[in-house]
Amino acid sequence: MNTVAHTQTRDPRVLLNEVRPHIRNLSVNVFDSGMTVWDREVALLLRDEVMVRDLAERVLGNAVM
């Protein structure tokens, strides 16, 4: 029996930014800043923890997936 499994991966940055129209609990000025949801969340991680941007993006990417 020969079966092949196909695995698809999606970019967590795209997934997170696609939910933007469904976010209702953030104030309007957050979206007026021109930041994407992804960039906003990375900025919050960088503010709250001492880490570099690359690590913050990996942490957020794992959380989204």
Protein backbone atom coordinates (compact mmCIF):
# COMPACT_ATOMS: atom_id res chain seq x y z
CA MET A 1 0.00 0.00 0.00
CA ASN A 2 1.56 3.22 -1.16
CA THR A 3 0.00 6.43 0.15
CA VAL A 4 1.49 9.87 -0.10
CA ALA A 5 0.66 12.52 2.46
CA HIS A 6 0.59 16.09 1.24
CA THR A 7 1.26 18.74 3.83
CA GLN A 8 0.44 22.36 3.23
CA THR A 9 1.85 25.17 5.28
CA ARG A 10 0.43 28.63 5.53
CA ASP A 11 2.18 31.81 6.42
CA PRO A 12 1.12 32.81 9.96
CA ARG A 13 1.60 36.48 9.04
CA VAL A 14 -1.03 36.16 6.30
CA LEU A 15 -3.39 34.24 8.58
CA LEU A 16 -3.22 36.85 11.33
CA ASN A 17 -3.65 39.78 8.96
CA GLU A 18 -6.70 38.12 7.35
CA VAL A 19 -8.66 38.36 10.62
CA ARG A 20 -8.37 42.15 10.70
CA PRO A 21 -11.91 42.77 9.36
CA HIS A 22 -13.31 40.59 12.16
CA ILE A 23 -11.57 42.39 15.06
CA ARG A 24 -14.11 44.51 16.90
CA ASN A 25 -12.61 45.15 20.32
CA LEU A 26 -9.64 47.31 19.32
CA SER A 27 -9.98 51.04 19.14
CA VAL A 28 -10.04 52.58 15.69
CA ASN A 29 -6.80 54.49 16.23
CA VAL A 30 -4.83 51.22 16.37
CA PHE A 31 -5.70 50.55 12.74
CA ASP A 32 -5.27 54.21 11.77
CA SER A 33 -1.56 53.91 12.53
CA GLY A 34 -1.05 51.92 9.34
CA MET A 35 0.39 48.90 11.18
CA THR A 36 -0.76 45.43 10.25
CA VAL A 37 -2.11 43.16 12.97
CA TRP A 38 1.09 41.12 12.70
CA ASP A 39 3.35 44.16 13.21
CA ARG A 40 1.23 45.39 16.12
CA GLU A 41 1.44 42.06 17.92
CA VAL A 42 5.19 41.79 17.33
CA ALA A 43 5.60 45.31 18.73
CA LEU A 44 3.65 44.28 21.83
CA LEU A 45 5.87 41.23 22.30
CA LEU A 46 8.97 43.39 21.95
CA ARG A 47 7.58 45.85 24.50
CA ASP A 48 6.65 43.22 27.07
CA GLU A 49 9.65 40.91 26.77
CA VAL A 50 13.32 41.49 26.15
CA MET A 51 13.88 39.79 22.82
CA VAL A 52 14.87 40.51 19.27
CA ARG A 53 12.32 40.91 16.48
CA ASP A 54 13.23 37.57 14.88
CA LEU A 55 12.46 35.69 18.09
CA ALA A 56 9.24 37.66 18.62
CA GLU A 57 8.08 36.75 15.09
CA ARG A 58 8.85 33.07 15.67
CA VAL A 59 6.94 33.07 18.98
CA LEU A 60 3.95 34.78 17.35
CA GLY A 61 4.10 32.49 14.33
CA ASN A 62 3.98 29.42 16.55
CA ALA A 63 1.07 30.89 18.52
CA VAL A 64 -0.93 31.56 15.35
CA MET A 65 -0.34 28.11 13.92
